[in-house]
Amino acid sequence: MLFSDRSAEEEKFRRFSSYRIIEHLVLIMLFSLLVLTGLSQKFYFLKVSQSIIIIFGGIDNTRIIHHLAGVLFTILTVQHVIMNFAGTMFLQWRPSMLITFKDVHDAVHNVRYYLGLVKEPAQCGRYTYKEKCIYWLVLTGAVQMILTGFVLWFPVAVTKYIHGQVIPIAKTIHSSEAMLMFLLIATWHIYDSILNPDVFPLNKSIFTGYMGKNQMMRLHPLELERQSDELKEKTHKITLESNI
């Protein structure tokens, strides 16, 4: 099916909380700002980079904005890790983003599906193996960017405790990881969220918090089954209590 379902009457299922929606929107804004101010400095010799630097008020302002965005990005990343750790440990959140053997099996299964060796694609739960891969690549990349970014921001303080050779190493890692994350988001993630025939023209769930039943059946059938079972159980419980 080429287009995602648009029927206003279609049953919808919750995918993301308001907290996750806001977190994602803030991430988009900070990541975009970091890419613009960072890559324009890396490729300063390009005309488009020079135009971007002029728009931000010159190289000094561009660096200040990049540093401030980096601080906010660090805060966002740290709170994300803490919230997920605390939620899993103390609030009984399901560790849905952990990579399991089923994800490996799903990846192998889908390779066989794309080669025409099996008739049906892998049955995925709350997150597919591709979504988990993107998540962990972005998260580990973010940690690298944060650590190397602070090394480059405070080189004198860092070299008081670590060998000075760490500065050029941090510069190489920081700029290379920035390009890698940009290409990852610009290709793989955007394809899965926009150009993928199962969600085209846009997977709106991260902005609305909900996904239609038909799309859930195609992309997350096991999660649909789980939520449907929970809804039936909740409805049954309410019915029993009302009859008491």
C-alpha atoms as a PDB file:
ATOM      1  CA  MET A   1       0.000   0.000   0.000  1.00  0.00           C
ATOM      2  CA  LEU A   2       1.586   3.269  -1.131  1.00  0.00           C
ATOM      3  CA  PHE A   3      -0.107   5.819   1.091  1.00  0.00           C
ATOM      4  CA  SER A   4      -0.692   5.637   4.811  1.00  0.00           C
ATOM      5  CA  ASP A   5      -4.287   5.551   5.990  1.00  0.00           C
ATOM      6  CA  ARG A   6      -5.923   8.945   6.413  1.00  0.00           C
ATOM      7  CA  SER A   7      -9.412   8.021   7.498  1.00  0.00           C
ATOM      8  CA  ALA A   8     -10.555  10.172  10.383  1.00  0.00           C
ATOM      9  CA  GLU A   9     -12.699   7.269  11.615  1.00  0.00           C
ATOM     10  CA  GLU A  10      -9.823   4.799  11.793  1.00  0.00           C
ATOM     11  CA  GLU A  11      -9.044   3.427  15.233  1.00  0.00           C
ATOM     12  CA  LYS A  12      -5.793   4.855  16.561  1.00  0.00           C
ATOM     13  CA  PHE A  13      -3.312   3.501  19.064  1.00  0.00           C
ATOM     14  CA  ARG A  14      -0.953   5.386  21.351  1.00  0.00           C
ATOM     15  CA  ARG A  15       2.681   5.331  20.246  1.00  0.00           C
ATOM     16  CA  PHE A  16       4.338   8.212  22.106  1.00  0.00           C
ATOM     17  CA  SER A  17       3.602  10.285  25.191  1.00  0.00           C
ATOM     18  CA  SER A  18       3.577  14.094  25.197  1.00  0.00           C
ATOM     19  CA  TYR A  19       6.959  13.982  26.938  1.00  0.00           C
ATOM     20  CA  ARG A  20       8.478  11.969  24.049  1.00  0.00           C
ATOM     21  CA  ILE A  21       6.935  14.274  21.460  1.00  0.00           C
ATOM     22  CA  ILE A  22       8.391  17.390  23.092  1.00  0.00           C
ATOM     23  CA  GLU A  23      11.754  15.665  23.590  1.00  0.00           C
ATOM     24  CA  HIS A  24      11.895  14.748  19.912  1.00  0.00           C
ATOM     25  CA  LEU A  25      10.959  18.258  18.761  1.00  0.00           C
ATOM     26  CA  VAL A  26      13.684  19.782  20.953  1.00  0.00           C
ATOM     27  CA  LEU A  27      16.158  17.242  19.576  1.00  0.00           C
ATOM     28  CA  ILE A  28      15.255  18.187  15.993  1.00  0.00           C
ATOM     29  CA  MET A  29      15.803  21.894  16.696  1.00  0.00           C
ATOM     30  CA  LEU A  30      19.103  21.434  18.549  1.00  0.00           C
ATOM     31  CA  PHE A  31      20.468  18.910  16.072  1.00  0.00           C
ATOM     32  CA  SER A  32      19.610  21.193  13.136  1.00  0.00           C
ATOM     33  CA  LEU A  33      21.272  24.153  14.851  1.00  0.00           C
ATOM     34  CA  LEU A  34      24.390  22.121  15.660  1.00  0.00           C
ATOM     35  CA  VAL A  35      24.640  20.859  12.081  1.00  0.00           C
ATOM     36  CA  LEU A  36      24.286  24.348  10.603  1.00  0.00           C
ATOM     37  CA  THR A  37      26.768  26.017  12.951  1.00  0.00           C
ATOM     38  CA  GLY A  38      29.187  23.084  13.088  1.00  0.00           C
ATOM     39  CA  LEU A  39      29.444  21.955   9.471  1.00  0.00           C
ATOM     40  CA  SER A  40      29.579  25.552   8.249  1.00  0.00           C
ATOM     41  CA  GLN A  41      32.767  25.917  10.306  1.00  0.00           C
ATOM     42  CA  LYS A  42      34.176  22.608   9.083  1.00  0.00           C
ATOM     43  CA  PHE A  43      33.528  23.507   5.434  1.00  0.00           C
ATOM     44  CA  TYR A  44      34.163  27.247   5.818  1.00  0.00           C
ATOM     45  CA  PHE A  45      35.608  27.470   2.280  1.00  0.00           C
ATOM     46  CA  LEU A  46      32.224  26.720   0.681  1.00  0.00           C
ATOM     47  CA  LYS A  47      30.011  29.648  -0.314  1.00  0.00           C
ATOM     48  CA  VAL A  48      26.961  28.126   1.359  1.00  0.00           C
ATOM     49  CA  SER A  49      28.916  27.841   4.630  1.00  0.00           C
ATOM     50  CA  GLN A  50      30.034  31.453   4.389  1.00  0.00           C
ATOM     51  CA  SER A  51      26.427  32.530   3.831  1.00  0.00           C
ATOM     52  CA  ILE A  52      25.297  30.564   6.899  1.00  0.00           C
ATOM     53  CA  ILE A  53      28.051  32.128   9.026  1.00  0.00           C
ATOM     54  CA  ILE A  54      27.008  35.599   7.860  1.00  0.00           C
ATOM     55  CA  ILE A  55      23.360  34.842   8.729  1.00  0.00           C
ATOM     56  CA  PHE A  56      24.421  33.905  12.279  1.00  0.00           C
ATOM     57  CA  GLY A  57      26.341  37.179  12.600  1.00  0.00           C
ATOM     58  CA  GLY A  58      29.905  36.129  11.873  1.00  0.00           C
ATOM     59  CA  ILE A  59      32.249  33.373  12.955  1.00  0.00           C
ATOM     60  CA  ASP A  60      32.382  34.421  16.619  1.00  0.00           C
ATOM     61  CA  ASN A  61      28.605  34.406  16.984  1.00  0.00           C
ATOM     62  CA  THR A  62      28.423  31.115  15.096  1.00  0.00           C
ATOM     63  CA  ARG A  63      30.814  29.524  17.595  1.00  0.00           C
ATOM     64  CA  ILE A  64      28.912  30.938  20.576  1.00  0.00           C
ATOM     65  CA  ILE A  65      25.604  29.600  19.217  1.00  0.00           C
ATOM     66  CA  HIS A  66      27.233  26.225  18.539  1.00  0.00           C
ATOM     67  CA  HIS A  67      28.532  26.041  22.115  1.00  0.00           C
ATOM     68  CA  LEU A  68      25.193  27.039  23.649  1.00  0.00           C
ATOM     69  CA  ALA A  69      23.346  24.510  21.481  1.00  0.00           C
ATOM     70  CA  GLY A  70      25.943  21.922  22.559  1.00  0.00           C
ATOM     71  CA  VAL A  71      25.234  22.619  26.235  1.00  0.00           C
ATOM     72  CA  LEU A  72      21.480  22.255  25.703  1.00  0.00           C
ATOM     73  CA  PHE A  73      22.074  19.095  23.670  1.00  0.00           C
ATOM     74  CA  THR A  74      24.146  17.705  26.541  1.00  0.00           C
ATOM     75  CA  ILE A  75      21.364  18.466  29.037  1.00  0.00           C
ATOM     76  CA  LEU A  76      18.806  16.818  26.730  1.00  0.00           C
ATOM     77  CA  THR A  77      20.955  13.697  26.340  1.00  0.00           C
ATOM     78  CA  VAL A  78      21.720  13.373  30.061  1.00  0.00           C
ATOM     79  CA  GLN A  79      18.067  13.756  31.076  1.00  0.00           C
ATOM     80  CA  HIS A  80      17.072  11.216  28.418  1.00  0.00           C
ATOM     81  CA  VAL A  81      19.474   8.612  29.811  1.00  0.00           C
ATOM     82  CA  ILE A  82      18.496   9.320  33.429  1.00  0.00           C
ATOM     83  CA  MET A  83      14.758   9.273  32.724  1.00  0.00           C
ATOM     84  CA  ASN A  84      14.943   5.984  30.830  1.00  0.00           C
ATOM     85  CA  PHE A  85      17.148   4.359  33.460  1.00  0.00           C
ATOM     86  CA  ALA A  86      14.908   5.532  36.306  1.00  0.00           C
ATOM     87  CA  GLY A  87      11.731   4.596  34.435  1.00  0.00           C
ATOM     88  CA  THR A  88      12.982   1.090  33.694  1.00  0.00           C
ATOM     89  CA  MET A  89      14.364   0.494  37.189  1.00  0.00           C
ATOM     90  CA  PHE A  90      11.667   2.102  39.343  1.00  0.00           C
ATOM     91  CA  LEU A  91       8.548   2.779  37.238  1.00  0.00           C
ATOM     92  CA  GLN A  92       8.327  -0.583  35.470  1.00  0.00           C
ATOM     93  CA  TRP A  93       8.796   0.845  31.984  1.00  0.00           C
ATOM     94  CA  ARG A  94       9.387  -1.853  29.390  1.00  0.00           C
ATOM     95  CA  PRO A  95      12.965  -1.678  27.991  1.00  0.00           C
ATOM     96  CA  SER A  96      11.595  -1.548  24.450  1.00  0.00           C
ATOM     97  CA  MET A  97      14.786  -0.175  22.888  1.00  0.00           C
ATOM     98  CA  LEU A  98      17.088  -2.977  24.031  1.00  0.00           C
ATOM     99  CA  ILE A  99      18.402  -5.023  21.124  1.00  0.00           C
ATOM    100  CA  THR A 100      17.464  -8.700  21.479  1.00  0.00           C
ATOM    101  CA  PHE A 101      18.022 -11.936  19.570  1.00  0.00           C
ATOM    102  CA  LYS A 102      14.600 -11.420  18.012  1.00  0.00           C
ATOM    103  CA  ASP A 103      15.883  -8.257  16.317  1.00  0.00           C
ATOM    104  CA  VAL A 104      18.730 -10.241  14.761  1.00  0.00           C
ATOM    105  CA  HIS A 105      16.222 -12.869  13.663  1.00  0.00           C
ATOM    106  CA  ASP A 106      13.924 -10.168  12.223  1.00  0.00           C
ATOM    107  CA  ALA A 107      16.807  -8.622  10.259  1.00  0.00           C
ATOM    108  CA  VAL A 108      17.780 -11.977   8.758  1.00  0.00           C
ATOM    109  CA  HIS A 109      14.120 -12.772   8.066  1.00  0.00           C
ATOM    110  CA  ASN A 110      13.610  -9.489   6.206  1.00  0.00           C
ATOM    111  CA  VAL A 111      16.721 -10.060   4.077  1.00  0.00           C
ATOM    112  CA  ARG A 112      15.142 -13.347   3.017  1.00  0.00           C
ATOM    113  CA  TYR A 113      11.821 -11.527   2.468  1.00  0.00           C
ATOM    114  CA  TYR A 114      13.447  -8.893   0.216  1.00  0.00           C
ATOM    115  CA  LEU A 115      15.107 -11.711  -1.760  1.00  0.00           C
ATOM    116  CA  GLY A 116      11.725 -13.374  -2.228  1.00  0.00           C
ATOM    117  CA  LEU A 117      12.595 -16.429  -0.136  1.00  0.00           C
ATOM    118  CA  VAL A 118       9.705 -15.928   2.324  1.00  0.00           C
ATOM    119  CA  LYS A 119       6.241 -14.490   1.710  1.00  0.00           C
ATOM    120  CA  GLU A 120       5.753 -12.245   4.765  1.00  0.00           C
ATOM    121  CA  PRO A 121       8.020  -9.639   6.419  1.00  0.00           C
ATOM    122  CA  ALA A 122       9.128  -9.985  10.031  1.00  0.00           C
ATOM    123  CA  GLN A 123       6.496  -9.408  12.733  1.00  0.00           C
ATOM    124  CA  CYS A 124       7.803  -6.507  14.857  1.00  0.00           C
ATOM    125  CA  GLY A 125       6.826  -5.200  18.278  1.00  0.00           C
ATOM    126  CA  ARG A 126       6.908  -1.659  19.640  1.00  0.00           C
ATOM    127  CA  TYR A 127      10.123  -0.833  17.755  1.00  0.00           C
ATOM    128  CA  THR A 128      11.597  -2.513  14.691  1.00  0.00           C
ATOM    129  CA  TYR A 129      15.236  -3.577  14.515  1.00  0.00           C
ATOM    130  CA  LYS A 130      15.896  -0.638  12.157  1.00  0.00           C
ATOM    131  CA  GLU A 131      14.456   1.871  14.636  1.00  0.00           C
ATOM    132  CA  LYS A 132      16.578   0.372  17.413  1.00  0.00           C
ATOM    133  CA  CYS A 133      19.728   0.579  15.287  1.00  0.00           C
ATOM    134  CA  ILE A 134      19.096   4.247  14.496  1.00  0.00           C
ATOM    135  CA  TYR A 135      18.389   4.975  18.165  1.00  0.00           C
ATOM    136  CA  TRP A 136      21.623   3.410  19.442  1.00  0.00           C
ATOM    137  CA  LEU A 137      23.746   4.879  16.658  1.00  0.00           C
ATOM    138  CA  VAL A 138      22.397   8.355  17.446  1.00  0.00           C
ATOM    139  CA  LEU A 139      22.714   7.936  21.223  1.00  0.00           C
ATOM    140  CA  THR A 140      26.290   6.598  21.155  1.00  0.00           C
ATOM    141  CA  GLY A 141      27.175   9.213  18.554  1.00  0.00           C
ATOM    142  CA  ALA A 142      25.699  11.926  20.781  1.00  0.00           C
ATOM    143  CA  VAL A 143      27.877  10.797  23.708  1.00  0.00           C
ATOM    144  CA  GLN A 144      30.974  10.940  21.487  1.00  0.00           C
ATOM    145  CA  MET A 145      30.020  14.392  20.221  1.00  0.00           C
ATOM    146  CA  ILE A 146      29.470  15.693  23.749  1.00  0.00           C
ATOM    147  CA  LEU A 147      32.778  14.373  25.118  1.00  0.00           C
ATOM    148  CA  THR A 148      34.898  15.495  22.167  1.00  0.00           C
ATOM    149  CA  GLY A 149      33.037  18.808  21.988  1.00  0.00           C
ATOM    150  CA  PHE A 150      33.952  19.727  25.548  1.00  0.00           C
ATOM    151  CA  VAL A 151      37.575  18.655  24.923  1.00  0.00           C
ATOM    152  CA  LEU A 152      37.720  21.074  21.975  1.00  0.00           C
ATOM    153  CA  TRP A 153      35.945  23.821  23.930  1.00  0.00           C
ATOM    154  CA  PHE A 154      38.318  23.650  26.890  1.00  0.00           C
ATOM    155  CA  PRO A 155      41.634  22.369  25.451  1.00  0.00           C
ATOM    156  CA  VAL A 156      43.852  24.078  28.033  1.00  0.00           C
ATOM    157  CA  ALA A 157      41.963  22.631  30.998  1.00  0.00           C
ATOM    158  CA  VAL A 158      41.879  19.172  29.409  1.00  0.00           C
ATOM    159  CA  THR A 159      45.598  19.052  28.623  1.00  0.00           C
ATOM    160  CA  LYS A 160      46.414  19.746  32.265  1.00  0.00           C
ATOM    161  CA  TYR A 161      45.314  16.185  32.985  1.00  0.00           C
ATOM    162  CA  ILE A 162      45.527  14.397  29.598  1.00  0.00           C
ATOM    163  CA  HIS A 163      48.232  14.294  26.912  1.00  0.00           C
ATOM    164  CA  GLY A 164      47.906  17.064  24.332  1.00  0.00           C
ATOM    165  CA  GLN A 165      47.577  14.549  21.511  1.00  0.00           C
ATOM    166  CA  VAL A 166      43.965  14.079  22.606  1.00  0.00           C
ATOM    167  CA  ILE A 167      43.041  17.474  21.061  1.00  0.00           C
ATOM    168  CA  PRO A 168      43.620  16.581  17.357  1.00  0.00           C
ATOM    169  CA  ILE A 169      42.121  13.138  18.012  1.00  0.00           C
ATOM    170  CA  ALA A 170      39.004  14.759  19.508  1.00  0.00           C
ATOM    171  CA  LYS A 171      38.785  17.155  16.547  1.00  0.00           C
ATOM    172  CA  THR A 172      38.881  14.285  14.049  1.00  0.00           C
ATOM    173  CA  ILE A 173      36.304  12.244  15.964  1.00  0.00           C
ATOM    174  CA  HIS A 174      34.014  15.253  16.501  1.00  0.00           C
ATOM    175  CA  SER A 175      33.902  16.367  12.866  1.00  0.00           C
ATOM    176  CA  SER A 176      33.751  12.821  11.446  1.00  0.00           C
ATOM    177  CA  GLU A 177      30.980  11.779  13.838  1.00  0.00           C
ATOM    178  CA  ALA A 178      29.063  14.960  12.976  1.00  0.00           C
ATOM    179  CA  MET A 179      29.138  14.050   9.281  1.00  0.00           C
ATOM    180  CA  LEU A 180      28.185  10.442  10.040  1.00  0.00           C
ATOM    181  CA  MET A 181      25.182  11.459  12.177  1.00  0.00           C
ATOM    182  CA  PHE A 182      24.072  14.022   9.595  1.00  0.00           C
ATOM    183  CA  LEU A 183      24.215  11.460   6.776  1.00  0.00           C
ATOM    184  CA  LEU A 184      22.490   8.843   8.936  1.00  0.00           C
ATOM    185  CA  ILE A 185      19.595  11.196   9.724  1.00  0.00           C
ATOM    186  CA  ALA A 186      19.434  12.644   6.207  1.00  0.00           C
ATOM    187  CA  THR A 187      19.251   9.236   4.508  1.00  0.00           C
ATOM    188  CA  TRP A 188      18.201   6.258   6.603  1.00  0.00           C
ATOM    189  CA  HIS A 189      15.967   7.972   9.180  1.00  0.00           C
ATOM    190  CA  ILE A 190      14.272  10.334   6.732  1.00  0.00           C
ATOM    191  CA  TYR A 191      13.614   7.459   4.330  1.00  0.00           C
ATOM    192  CA  ASP A 192      12.011   5.362   7.079  1.00  0.00           C
ATOM    193  CA  SER A 193       9.938   8.302   8.357  1.00  0.00           C
ATOM    194  CA  ILE A 194       8.908   9.912   5.067  1.00  0.00           C
ATOM    195  CA  LEU A 195       9.749   8.021   1.862  1.00  0.00           C
ATOM    196  CA  ASN A 196       9.049   4.475   3.040  1.00  0.00           C
ATOM    197  CA  PRO A 197       5.921   3.297   1.100  1.00  0.00           C
ATOM    198  CA  ASP A 198       4.381   2.074   4.382  1.00  0.00           C
ATOM    199  CA  VAL A 199       4.336   5.612   5.858  1.00  0.00           C
ATOM    200  CA  PHE A 200       4.487   7.952   2.820  1.00  0.00           C
ATOM    201  CA  PRO A 201       4.051  10.920   2.795  1.00  0.00           C
ATOM    202  CA  LEU A 202       4.959  11.113   6.507  1.00  0.00           C
ATOM    203  CA  ASN A 203       4.893   9.018   9.659  1.00  0.00           C
ATOM    204  CA  LYS A 204       3.074  11.474  11.913  1.00  0.00           C
ATOM    205  CA  SER A 205       3.099   9.347  15.074  1.00  0.00           C
ATOM    206  CA  ILE A 206       6.097  11.118  16.649  1.00  0.00           C
ATOM    207  CA  PHE A 207       4.241  14.438  16.247  1.00  0.00           C
ATOM    208  CA  THR A 208       0.694  13.329  17.127  1.00  0.00           C
ATOM    209  CA  GLY A 209       1.509  10.462  19.487  1.00  0.00           C
ATOM    210  CA  TYR A 210      -0.879   8.102  17.681  1.00  0.00           C
ATOM    211  CA  MET A 211      -0.764   5.640  14.778  1.00  0.00           C
ATOM    212  CA  GLY A 212      -3.702   4.267  12.801  1.00  0.00           C
ATOM    213  CA  LYS A 213      -4.657   0.619  13.189  1.00  0.00           C
ATOM    214  CA  ASN A 214      -3.882  -0.338   9.587  1.00  0.00           C
ATOM    215  CA  GLN A 215      -0.424   1.171   9.747  1.00  0.00           C
ATOM    216  CA  MET A 216       0.170  -0.511  13.087  1.00  0.00           C
ATOM    217  CA  MET A 217      -0.799  -3.846  11.515  1.00  0.00           C
ATOM    218  CA  ARG A 218       1.864  -3.358   8.828  1.00  0.00           C
ATOM    219  CA  LEU A 219       4.690  -1.939  10.925  1.00  0.00           C
ATOM    220  CA  HIS A 220       4.129  -3.090  14.521  1.00  0.00           C
ATOM    221  CA  PRO A 221       1.691  -6.031  14.523  1.00  0.00           C
ATOM    222  CA  LEU A 222       2.967  -7.478  17.822  1.00  0.00           C
ATOM    223  CA  GLU A 223       2.599  -4.102  19.549  1.00  0.00           C
ATOM    224  CA  LEU A 224      -0.924  -3.786  18.134  1.00  0.00           C
ATOM    225  CA  GLU A 225      -1.759  -7.209  19.518  1.00  0.00           C
ATOM    226  CA  ARG A 226      -0.335  -6.293  22.933  1.00  0.00           C
ATOM    227  CA  GLN A 227      -2.247  -3.005  23.146  1.00  0.00           C
ATOM    228  CA  SER A 228      -5.454  -4.666  21.944  1.00  0.00           C
ATOM    229  CA  ASP A 229      -5.135  -7.357  24.619  1.00  0.00           C
ATOM    230  CA  GLU A 230      -4.500  -4.729  27.304  1.00  0.00           C
ATOM    231  CA  LEU A 231      -7.537  -2.744  26.141  1.00  0.00           C
ATOM    232  CA  LYS A 232      -9.740  -5.856  26.242  1.00  0.00           C
ATOM    233  CA  GLU A 233      -8.474  -6.737  29.702  1.00  0.00           C
ATOM    234  CA  LYS A 234      -9.071  -3.194  30.955  1.00  0.00           C
ATOM    235  CA  THR A 235     -12.573  -3.122  29.450  1.00  0.00           C
ATOM    236  CA  HIS A 236     -13.370  -6.492  30.968  1.00  0.00           C
ATOM    237  CA  LYS A 237     -12.162  -5.315  34.384  1.00  0.00           C
ATOM    238  CA  ILE A 238     -14.290  -2.159  34.208  1.00  0.00           C
ATOM    239  CA  THR A 239     -17.327  -4.251  33.218  1.00  0.00           C
ATOM    240  CA  LEU A 240     -16.838  -6.596  36.172  1.00  0.00           C
ATOM    241  CA  GLU A 241     -16.449  -3.693  38.612  1.00  0.00           C
ATOM    242  CA  SER A 242     -19.587  -1.985  37.278  1.00  0.00           C
ATOM    243  CA  ASN A 243     -21.592  -5.183  37.872  1.00  0.00           C
ATOM    244  CA  ILE A 244     -20.533  -5.483  41.490  1.00  0.00           C
END
